[in-house]
Amino acid sequence: MTTTLHSFDTAIDLADNGNGQYVGQTTSDYANMVGPFGGVTAAAIVRAIERNPDRIGEPVALTVNYLAPVTDGRFDITVRAARTNRTNQHWTAEVAQQHGVTTTATAVFGIRRDAWSDTEPTMPPAPDPESIAHTATSGPVPWMRNYDMHYVDGGIPTEPADSASSTTTLWVRQRPARALDFPALTALSDVFYPRVFLRRGRMLPAGTISLTTYFHVDGTELAAQGTDFVLATARAQRFARGYFDQTAQIWGRDATLLATSHQIVYYKD
């Protein structure tokens, strides 16, 4: 029986060169307007740490800094455990190509334990994804075709008009459907188009500079989501002098808060 590798797994496939060094290859499926989709680069970093024999626990936090675009072709990821404690482990990571370092990252992996738990925010109200039309994507952003997106609010602007709100909420899952794991959840934290597009009603030059994702579930809770849709919502707080921030939440259909993220984005207007 022949099994076809999911395009996402192909995009984050890594060869192990030993000593914390891994080699990957960009794919056209996950290309963005400039270089690959930032979420897939972040996912490859998580995959590299997961595969390292020194790794303990599962992802708790990840910060990725995008220094320069990754160009098409080979990229090298170097990861190092900076410190290991009893229940958490701190990592540094670097993505490089022939022209130099393109991406740096820090990550915290940890062993979760039973403790008092609570979720303060509530999941945004939304009709079931099956009742909302899928948004077809075309044009110069191939990576978006790998996601089944059903916008509840704040869809991709189709008219050149300013909006008073930067909030976007959508049901989303990979296409074809794939079981949710930590690399896939990492990529989903960057699945939103730039908030400035929504506020200004048109596409503008924009790119993420730094993205931090916090993971709120362990592998068992994440596996329980299966291949189902998640509800993703994002908004900005301030647009000022060429930079804006974005905060986001990723919810399971069962109202489990899976991850939150924060990023800073450069834009021109």
C-alpha atoms as a PDB file:
ATOM      1  CA  MET A   1       0.000   0.000   0.000  1.00  0.00           C
ATOM      2  CA  THR A   2       1.401   3.402  -0.992  1.00  0.00           C
ATOM      3  CA  THR A   3       0.860   6.327   1.383  1.00  0.00           C
ATOM      4  CA  THR A   4       1.122   9.848  -0.003  1.00  0.00           C
ATOM      5  CA  LEU A   5       2.804  12.287   2.375  1.00  0.00           C
ATOM      6  CA  HIS A   6       0.658  15.297   3.244  1.00  0.00           C
ATOM      7  CA  SER A   7       1.980  18.492   1.633  1.00  0.00           C
ATOM      8  CA  PHE A   8       2.470  20.024   5.086  1.00  0.00           C
ATOM      9  CA  ASP A   9       4.645  17.118   6.200  1.00  0.00           C
ATOM     10  CA  THR A  10       6.650  17.466   2.983  1.00  0.00           C
ATOM     11  CA  ALA A  11       7.172  21.173   3.691  1.00  0.00           C
ATOM     12  CA  ILE A  12       8.561  20.521   7.189  1.00  0.00           C
ATOM     13  CA  ASP A  13      10.417  17.305   6.347  1.00  0.00           C
ATOM     14  CA  LEU A  14      13.942  17.444   7.770  1.00  0.00           C
ATOM     15  CA  ALA A  15      17.074  15.389   7.309  1.00  0.00           C
ATOM     16  CA  ASP A  16      19.056  14.920  10.522  1.00  0.00           C
ATOM     17  CA  ASN A  17      22.712  15.885  10.114  1.00  0.00           C
ATOM     18  CA  GLY A  18      23.482  15.159  13.770  1.00  0.00           C
ATOM     19  CA  ASN A  19      24.587  17.492  16.575  1.00  0.00           C
ATOM     20  CA  GLY A  20      21.314  19.429  16.450  1.00  0.00           C
ATOM     21  CA  GLN A  21      21.563  20.264  12.757  1.00  0.00           C
ATOM     22  CA  TYR A  22      18.720  19.596  10.307  1.00  0.00           C
ATOM     23  CA  VAL A  23      18.263  20.243   6.600  1.00  0.00           C
ATOM     24  CA  GLY A  24      14.978  21.137   4.936  1.00  0.00           C
ATOM     25  CA  GLN A  25      13.761  22.192   1.508  1.00  0.00           C
ATOM     26  CA  THR A  26      11.175  24.859   0.691  1.00  0.00           C
ATOM     27  CA  THR A  27       8.142  23.764  -1.328  1.00  0.00           C
ATOM     28  CA  SER A  28       6.059  25.736  -3.811  1.00  0.00           C
ATOM     29  CA  ASP A  29       2.855  24.639  -2.030  1.00  0.00           C
ATOM     30  CA  TYR A  30       3.710  26.833   0.954  1.00  0.00           C
ATOM     31  CA  ALA A  31       5.104  29.840  -0.882  1.00  0.00           C
ATOM     32  CA  ASN A  32       4.031  33.301   0.207  1.00  0.00           C
ATOM     33  CA  MET A  33       4.343  36.547  -1.753  1.00  0.00           C
ATOM     34  CA  VAL A  34       7.994  36.708  -0.648  1.00  0.00           C
ATOM     35  CA  GLY A  35       9.578  33.445   0.488  1.00  0.00           C
ATOM     36  CA  PRO A  36       7.663  30.672   2.250  1.00  0.00           C
ATOM     37  CA  PHE A  37       4.706  31.129   4.600  1.00  0.00           C
ATOM     38  CA  GLY A  38       6.118  32.224   7.976  1.00  0.00           C
ATOM     39  CA  GLY A  39       3.933  29.708   9.789  1.00  0.00           C
ATOM     40  CA  VAL A  40       5.540  26.783   7.988  1.00  0.00           C
ATOM     41  CA  THR A  41       9.022  28.064   8.872  1.00  0.00           C
ATOM     42  CA  ALA A  42       7.976  28.218  12.533  1.00  0.00           C
ATOM     43  CA  ALA A  43       6.493  24.724  12.246  1.00  0.00           C
ATOM     44  CA  ALA A  44       9.776  23.379  10.854  1.00  0.00           C
ATOM     45  CA  ILE A  45      11.597  24.771  13.901  1.00  0.00           C
ATOM     46  CA  VAL A  46       9.166  22.975  16.226  1.00  0.00           C
ATOM     47  CA  ARG A  47       9.639  19.780  14.234  1.00  0.00           C
ATOM     48  CA  ALA A  48      13.449  20.084  14.511  1.00  0.00           C
ATOM     49  CA  ILE A  49      13.295  20.426  18.308  1.00  0.00           C
ATOM     50  CA  GLU A  50      10.773  17.592  18.582  1.00  0.00           C
ATOM     51  CA  ARG A  51      13.166  15.311  16.699  1.00  0.00           C
ATOM     52  CA  ASN A  52      16.192  16.187  18.810  1.00  0.00           C
ATOM     53  CA  PRO A  53      17.135  13.285  21.116  1.00  0.00           C
ATOM     54  CA  ASP A  54      17.835  15.700  24.003  1.00  0.00           C
ATOM     55  CA  ARG A  55      14.303  17.107  23.950  1.00  0.00           C
ATOM     56  CA  ILE A  56      12.029  16.618  26.947  1.00  0.00           C
ATOM     57  CA  GLY A  57       8.321  17.407  27.113  1.00  0.00           C
ATOM     58  CA  GLU A  58       6.174  19.228  24.590  1.00  0.00           C
ATOM     59  CA  PRO A  59       5.968  22.820  23.307  1.00  0.00           C
ATOM     60  CA  VAL A  60       4.932  25.469  25.816  1.00  0.00           C
ATOM     61  CA  ALA A  61       6.124  28.656  24.067  1.00  0.00           C
ATOM     62  CA  LEU A  62       7.835  29.626  20.834  1.00  0.00           C
ATOM     63  CA  THR A  63       9.155  32.993  19.646  1.00  0.00           C
ATOM     64  CA  VAL A  64      10.284  33.277  16.025  1.00  0.00           C
ATOM     65  CA  ASN A  65      12.077  36.345  14.650  1.00  0.00           C
ATOM     66  CA  TYR A  66      12.036  36.750  10.873  1.00  0.00           C
ATOM     67  CA  LEU A  67      15.289  38.490   9.972  1.00  0.00           C
ATOM     68  CA  ALA A  68      15.156  38.080   6.187  1.00  0.00           C
ATOM     69  CA  PRO A  69      13.083  36.125   3.646  1.00  0.00           C
ATOM     70  CA  VAL A  70      13.889  32.461   3.209  1.00  0.00           C
ATOM     71  CA  THR A  71      14.694  31.935  -0.466  1.00  0.00           C
ATOM     72  CA  ASP A  72      13.597  28.904  -2.469  1.00  0.00           C
ATOM     73  CA  GLY A  73      15.781  25.871  -1.918  1.00  0.00           C
ATOM     74  CA  ARG A  74      17.677  24.318   0.947  1.00  0.00           C
ATOM     75  CA  PHE A  75      17.645  25.712   4.480  1.00  0.00           C
ATOM     76  CA  ASP A  76      19.531  24.570   7.577  1.00  0.00           C
ATOM     77  CA  ILE A  77      18.095  24.553  11.101  1.00  0.00           C
ATOM     78  CA  THR A  78      20.410  24.402  14.103  1.00  0.00           C
ATOM     79  CA  VAL A  79      18.823  23.824  17.518  1.00  0.00           C
ATOM     80  CA  ARG A  80      20.448  23.760  20.936  1.00  0.00           C
ATOM     81  CA  ALA A  81      19.148  23.077  24.428  1.00  0.00           C
ATOM     82  CA  ALA A  82      20.388  26.112  26.372  1.00  0.00           C
ATOM     83  CA  ARG A  83      19.206  24.779  29.732  1.00  0.00           C
ATOM     84  CA  THR A  84      17.263  21.794  31.027  1.00  0.00           C
ATOM     85  CA  ASN A  85      15.395  22.001  34.334  1.00  0.00           C
ATOM     86  CA  ARG A  86      13.252  19.380  36.043  1.00  0.00           C
ATOM     87  CA  THR A  87      10.064  20.145  34.121  1.00  0.00           C
ATOM     88  CA  ASN A  88      11.038  22.632  31.417  1.00  0.00           C
ATOM     89  CA  GLN A  89      13.707  23.007  28.788  1.00  0.00           C
ATOM     90  CA  HIS A  90      14.893  26.138  26.981  1.00  0.00           C
ATOM     91  CA  TRP A  91      15.987  26.004  23.337  1.00  0.00           C
ATOM     92  CA  THR A  92      17.572  28.312  20.804  1.00  0.00           C
ATOM     93  CA  ALA A  93      17.175  27.797  17.066  1.00  0.00           C
ATOM     94  CA  GLU A  94      18.567  29.355  13.908  1.00  0.00           C
ATOM     95  CA  VAL A  95      17.563  28.983  10.270  1.00  0.00           C
ATOM     96  CA  ALA A  96      20.300  29.761   7.747  1.00  0.00           C
ATOM     97  CA  GLN A  97      20.937  29.605   4.012  1.00  0.00           C
ATOM     98  CA  GLN A  98      23.944  30.361   1.869  1.00  0.00           C
ATOM     99  CA  HIS A  99      23.281  34.094   2.107  1.00  0.00           C
ATOM    100  CA  GLY A 100      23.217  34.029   5.923  1.00  0.00           C
ATOM    101  CA  VAL A 101      20.863  33.683   8.876  1.00  0.00           C
ATOM    102  CA  THR A 102      17.193  34.221   7.986  1.00  0.00           C
ATOM    103  CA  THR A 103      15.387  33.292  11.192  1.00  0.00           C
ATOM    104  CA  THR A 104      16.147  33.011  14.895  1.00  0.00           C
ATOM    105  CA  ALA A 105      13.945  31.480  17.585  1.00  0.00           C
ATOM    106  CA  THR A 106      13.690  30.573  21.230  1.00  0.00           C
ATOM    107  CA  ALA A 107      11.406  27.850  22.537  1.00  0.00           C
ATOM    108  CA  VAL A 108      10.302  26.418  25.850  1.00  0.00           C
ATOM    109  CA  PHE A 109       9.350  22.758  26.042  1.00  0.00           C
ATOM    110  CA  GLY A 110       7.920  21.336  29.228  1.00  0.00           C
ATOM    111  CA  ILE A 111       6.436  18.395  31.058  1.00  0.00           C
ATOM    112  CA  ARG A 112       2.907  19.282  32.120  1.00  0.00           C
ATOM    113  CA  ARG A 113       1.506  18.094  35.451  1.00  0.00           C
ATOM    114  CA  ASP A 114      -1.930  17.916  37.009  1.00  0.00           C
ATOM    115  CA  ALA A 115      -2.799  21.262  38.560  1.00  0.00           C
ATOM    116  CA  TRP A 116      -5.726  23.638  38.986  1.00  0.00           C
ATOM    117  CA  SER A 117      -6.821  24.892  35.566  1.00  0.00           C
ATOM    118  CA  ASP A 118      -9.191  27.520  34.202  1.00  0.00           C
ATOM    119  CA  THR A 119      -9.790  29.508  31.002  1.00  0.00           C
ATOM    120  CA  GLU A 120     -10.782  33.156  31.452  1.00  0.00           C
ATOM    121  CA  PRO A 121     -11.720  34.221  27.887  1.00  0.00           C
ATOM    122  CA  THR A 122     -14.710  32.663  26.183  1.00  0.00           C
ATOM    123  CA  MET A 123     -14.814  31.237  22.708  1.00  0.00           C
ATOM    124  CA  PRO A 124     -16.317  33.736  20.212  1.00  0.00           C
ATOM    125  CA  PRO A 125     -19.825  32.823  19.081  1.00  0.00           C
ATOM    126  CA  ALA A 126     -19.836  31.342  15.604  1.00  0.00           C
ATOM    127  CA  PRO A 127     -22.148  29.201  13.482  1.00  0.00           C
ATOM    128  CA  ASP A 128     -20.858  25.754  12.560  1.00  0.00           C
ATOM    129  CA  PRO A 129     -18.271  25.813   9.764  1.00  0.00           C
ATOM    130  CA  GLU A 130     -20.441  23.543   7.631  1.00  0.00           C
ATOM    131  CA  SER A 131     -23.029  26.353   7.422  1.00  0.00           C
ATOM    132  CA  ILE A 132     -20.515  28.898   6.067  1.00  0.00           C
ATOM    133  CA  ALA A 133     -19.165  28.892   2.530  1.00  0.00           C
ATOM    134  CA  HIS A 134     -15.513  28.040   2.005  1.00  0.00           C
ATOM    135  CA  THR A 135     -13.457  31.032   0.874  1.00  0.00           C
ATOM    136  CA  ALA A 136     -11.680  30.225  -2.363  1.00  0.00           C
ATOM    137  CA  THR A 137      -8.195  31.716  -2.548  1.00  0.00           C
ATOM    138  CA  SER A 138      -6.213  32.525  -5.653  1.00  0.00           C
ATOM    139  CA  GLY A 139      -3.501  34.920  -6.681  1.00  0.00           C
ATOM    140  CA  PRO A 140       0.050  35.237  -5.373  1.00  0.00           C
ATOM    141  CA  VAL A 141      -0.368  33.396  -2.030  1.00  0.00           C
ATOM    142  CA  PRO A 142      -0.156  29.637  -2.698  1.00  0.00           C
ATOM    143  CA  TRP A 143       0.069  28.598   0.976  1.00  0.00           C
ATOM    144  CA  MET A 144      -3.523  29.703   1.646  1.00  0.00           C
ATOM    145  CA  ARG A 145      -4.791  27.020  -0.736  1.00  0.00           C
ATOM    146  CA  ASN A 146      -3.653  24.434   1.811  1.00  0.00           C
ATOM    147  CA  TYR A 147      -6.288  25.582   4.303  1.00  0.00           C
ATOM    148  CA  ASP A 148     -10.038  25.153   4.315  1.00  0.00           C
ATOM    149  CA  MET A 149     -11.176  28.602   5.498  1.00  0.00           C
ATOM    150  CA  HIS A 150     -14.715  29.584   6.453  1.00  0.00           C
ATOM    151  CA  TYR A 151     -14.820  33.243   7.540  1.00  0.00           C
ATOM    152  CA  VAL A 152     -17.256  34.173  10.296  1.00  0.00           C
ATOM    153  CA  ASP A 153     -16.176  37.828  10.406  1.00  0.00           C
ATOM    154  CA  GLY A 154     -13.503  40.005   8.841  1.00  0.00           C
ATOM    155  CA  GLY A 155     -13.014  38.114   5.595  1.00  0.00           C
ATOM    156  CA  ILE A 156     -10.466  39.117   2.973  1.00  0.00           C
ATOM    157  CA  PRO A 157     -11.463  42.602   1.731  1.00  0.00           C
ATOM    158  CA  THR A 158     -13.069  42.689  -1.687  1.00  0.00           C
ATOM    159  CA  GLU A 159     -13.878  46.411  -1.760  1.00  0.00           C
ATOM    160  CA  PRO A 160     -11.367  49.301  -1.287  1.00  0.00           C
ATOM    161  CA  ALA A 161     -12.981  50.687   1.857  1.00  0.00           C
ATOM    162  CA  ASP A 162     -11.600  51.277   5.348  1.00  0.00           C
ATOM    163  CA  SER A 163     -12.933  49.148   8.196  1.00  0.00           C
ATOM    164  CA  ALA A 164     -13.381  50.325  11.790  1.00  0.00           C
ATOM    165  CA  SER A 165     -12.393  46.893  13.105  1.00  0.00           C
ATOM    166  CA  SER A 166      -9.302  44.731  12.591  1.00  0.00           C
ATOM    167  CA  THR A 167     -10.951  41.555  13.943  1.00  0.00           C
ATOM    168  CA  THR A 168     -11.080  38.423  11.825  1.00  0.00           C
ATOM    169  CA  THR A 169     -12.677  35.168  12.983  1.00  0.00           C
ATOM    170  CA  LEU A 170     -12.728  32.015  10.876  1.00  0.00           C
ATOM    171  CA  TRP A 171     -13.091  28.277  11.049  1.00  0.00           C
ATOM    172  CA  VAL A 172     -10.003  26.684   9.531  1.00  0.00           C
ATOM    173  CA  ARG A 173      -8.294  23.344   9.054  1.00  0.00           C
ATOM    174  CA  GLN A 174      -5.674  21.949   6.746  1.00  0.00           C
ATOM    175  CA  ARG A 175      -6.678  20.846   3.251  1.00  0.00           C
ATOM    176  CA  PRO A 176      -6.755  17.931   2.771  1.00  0.00           C
ATOM    177  CA  ALA A 177      -7.694  17.351   6.388  1.00  0.00           C
ATOM    178  CA  ARG A 178      -4.808  16.276   8.636  1.00  0.00           C
ATOM    179  CA  ALA A 179      -4.730  15.434  12.347  1.00  0.00           C
ATOM    180  CA  LEU A 180      -3.702  18.426  14.429  1.00  0.00           C
ATOM    181  CA  ASP A 181      -0.267  18.249  16.048  1.00  0.00           C
ATOM    182  CA  PHE A 182       2.117  20.853  17.447  1.00  0.00           C
ATOM    183  CA  PRO A 183       3.792  21.835  14.146  1.00  0.00           C
ATOM    184  CA  ALA A 184       0.355  22.243  12.530  1.00  0.00           C
ATOM    185  CA  LEU A 185      -0.925  24.282  15.489  1.00  0.00           C
ATOM    186  CA  THR A 186       2.202  26.442  15.237  1.00  0.00           C
ATOM    187  CA  ALA A 187       1.448  27.194  11.581  1.00  0.00           C
ATOM    188  CA  LEU A 188      -2.196  27.990  12.395  1.00  0.00           C
ATOM    189  CA  SER A 189      -1.063  30.742  14.760  1.00  0.00           C
ATOM    190  CA  ASP A 190       0.093  32.646  11.642  1.00  0.00           C
ATOM    191  CA  VAL A 191      -2.850  31.775   9.385  1.00  0.00           C
ATOM    192  CA  PHE A 192      -4.320  35.315   9.358  1.00  0.00           C
ATOM    193  CA  TYR A 193      -3.759  37.795   6.540  1.00  0.00           C
ATOM    194  CA  PRO A 194      -2.266  41.118   7.798  1.00  0.00           C
ATOM    195  CA  ARG A 195      -4.692  43.169   9.903  1.00  0.00           C
ATOM    196  CA  VAL A 196      -3.768  46.332   8.016  1.00  0.00           C
ATOM    197  CA  PHE A 197      -5.380  44.843   4.875  1.00  0.00           C
ATOM    198  CA  LEU A 198      -8.714  44.751   6.693  1.00  0.00           C
ATOM    199  CA  ARG A 199      -8.453  48.230   8.204  1.00  0.00           C
ATOM    200  CA  ARG A 200      -7.366  49.837   4.912  1.00  0.00           C
ATOM    201  CA  GLY A 201      -9.486  47.667   2.625  1.00  0.00           C
ATOM    202  CA  ARG A 202      -6.639  46.687   0.328  1.00  0.00           C
ATOM    203  CA  MET A 203      -3.382  44.766   0.148  1.00  0.00           C
ATOM    204  CA  LEU A 204      -0.275  46.630   1.291  1.00  0.00           C
ATOM    205  CA  PRO A 205       3.371  45.603   1.676  1.00  0.00           C
ATOM    206  CA  ALA A 206       3.480  43.890   5.090  1.00  0.00           C
ATOM    207  CA  GLY A 207       5.392  41.143   6.848  1.00  0.00           C
ATOM    208  CA  THR A 208       5.677  39.564  10.297  1.00  0.00           C
ATOM    209  CA  ILE A 209       8.873  40.475  12.147  1.00  0.00           C
ATOM    210  CA  SER A 210       8.370  38.527  15.370  1.00  0.00           C
ATOM    211  CA  LEU A 211       5.766  35.901  16.312  1.00  0.00           C
ATOM    212  CA  THR A 212       5.250  34.350  19.747  1.00  0.00           C
ATOM    213  CA  THR A 213       2.928  31.389  20.253  1.00  0.00           C
ATOM    214  CA  TYR A 214       1.834  29.955  23.606  1.00  0.00           C
ATOM    215  CA  PHE A 215       0.571  26.379  23.649  1.00  0.00           C
ATOM    216  CA  HIS A 216      -2.112  25.641  26.250  1.00  0.00           C
ATOM    217  CA  VAL A 217      -2.667  21.915  25.697  1.00  0.00           C
ATOM    218  CA  ASP A 218      -0.636  18.740  25.855  1.00  0.00           C
ATOM    219  CA  GLY A 219      -0.343  16.164  23.099  1.00  0.00           C
ATOM    220  CA  THR A 220      -3.329  14.139  24.313  1.00  0.00           C
ATOM    221  CA  GLU A 221      -5.667  17.141  24.353  1.00  0.00           C
ATOM    222  CA  LEU A 222      -4.394  18.207  20.948  1.00  0.00           C
ATOM    223  CA  ALA A 223      -4.841  14.732  19.448  1.00  0.00           C
ATOM    224  CA  ALA A 224      -8.469  14.782  20.642  1.00  0.00           C
ATOM    225  CA  GLN A 225      -9.139  17.553  18.093  1.00  0.00           C
ATOM    226  CA  GLY A 226      -8.458  15.075  15.294  1.00  0.00           C
ATOM    227  CA  THR A 227      -8.947  16.566  11.834  1.00  0.00           C
ATOM    228  CA  ASP A 228     -11.772  18.893  12.874  1.00  0.00           C
ATOM    229  CA  PHE A 229     -11.945  22.641  12.256  1.00  0.00           C
ATOM    230  CA  VAL A 230     -10.584  25.080  14.819  1.00  0.00           C
ATOM    231  CA  LEU A 231     -11.907  28.581  15.398  1.00  0.00           C
ATOM    232  CA  ALA A 232      -9.198  31.202  14.917  1.00  0.00           C
ATOM    233  CA  THR A 233      -9.664  34.845  15.842  1.00  0.00           C
ATOM    234  CA  ALA A 234      -7.231  37.773  15.650  1.00  0.00           C
ATOM    235  CA  ARG A 235      -7.172  41.523  16.110  1.00  0.00           C
ATOM    236  CA  ALA A 236      -4.684  44.383  16.285  1.00  0.00           C
ATOM    237  CA  GLN A 237      -4.310  46.899  19.096  1.00  0.00           C
ATOM    238  CA  ARG A 238      -2.427  49.739  17.398  1.00  0.00           C
ATOM    239  CA  PHE A 239      -1.092  50.739  13.990  1.00  0.00           C
ATOM    240  CA  ALA A 240       1.711  53.285  14.372  1.00  0.00           C
ATOM    241  CA  ARG A 241       4.611  54.502  12.208  1.00  0.00           C
ATOM    242  CA  GLY A 242       4.855  51.415  10.044  1.00  0.00           C
ATOM    243  CA  TYR A 243       4.268  48.716  12.677  1.00  0.00           C
ATOM    244  CA  PHE A 244       1.216  47.030  14.141  1.00  0.00           C
ATOM    245  CA  ASP A 245       0.667  44.238  16.626  1.00  0.00           C
ATOM    246  CA  GLN A 246      -1.683  41.263  16.444  1.00  0.00           C
ATOM    247  CA  THR A 247      -3.080  39.023  19.154  1.00  0.00           C
ATOM    248  CA  ALA A 248      -4.830  35.768  18.300  1.00  0.00           C
ATOM    249  CA  GLN A 249      -6.608  32.790  19.832  1.00  0.00           C
ATOM    250  CA  ILE A 250      -7.041  29.274  18.436  1.00  0.00           C
ATOM    251  CA  TRP A 251     -10.021  27.337  19.827  1.00  0.00           C
ATOM    252  CA  GLY A 252     -11.104  23.733  19.366  1.00  0.00           C
ATOM    253  CA  ARG A 253     -14.712  23.140  18.398  1.00  0.00           C
ATOM    254  CA  ASP A 254     -15.169  21.775  21.936  1.00  0.00           C
ATOM    255  CA  ALA A 255     -14.277  25.269  23.303  1.00  0.00           C
ATOM    256  CA  THR A 256     -10.765  24.231  24.403  1.00  0.00           C
ATOM    257  CA  LEU A 257      -8.323  27.138  24.081  1.00  0.00           C
ATOM    258  CA  LEU A 258      -5.488  25.459  22.195  1.00  0.00           C
ATOM    259  CA  ALA A 259      -3.059  28.342  21.678  1.00  0.00           C
ATOM    260  CA  THR A 260      -2.673  32.102  21.808  1.00  0.00           C
ATOM    261  CA  SER A 261      -0.228  34.186  19.820  1.00  0.00           C
ATOM    262  CA  HIS A 262       1.188  37.684  19.567  1.00  0.00           C
ATOM    263  CA  GLN A 263       3.129  39.207  16.713  1.00  0.00           C
ATOM    264  CA  ILE A 264       4.549  42.493  15.479  1.00  0.00           C
ATOM    265  CA  VAL A 265       4.206  43.303  11.794  1.00  0.00           C
ATOM    266  CA  TYR A 266       5.926  45.817   9.495  1.00  0.00           C
ATOM    267  CA  TYR A 267       3.821  47.592   6.876  1.00  0.00           C
ATOM    268  CA  LYS A 268       3.939  50.386   4.313  1.00  0.00           C
ATOM    269  CA  ASP A 269       1.001  52.591   3.435  1.00  0.00           C
END
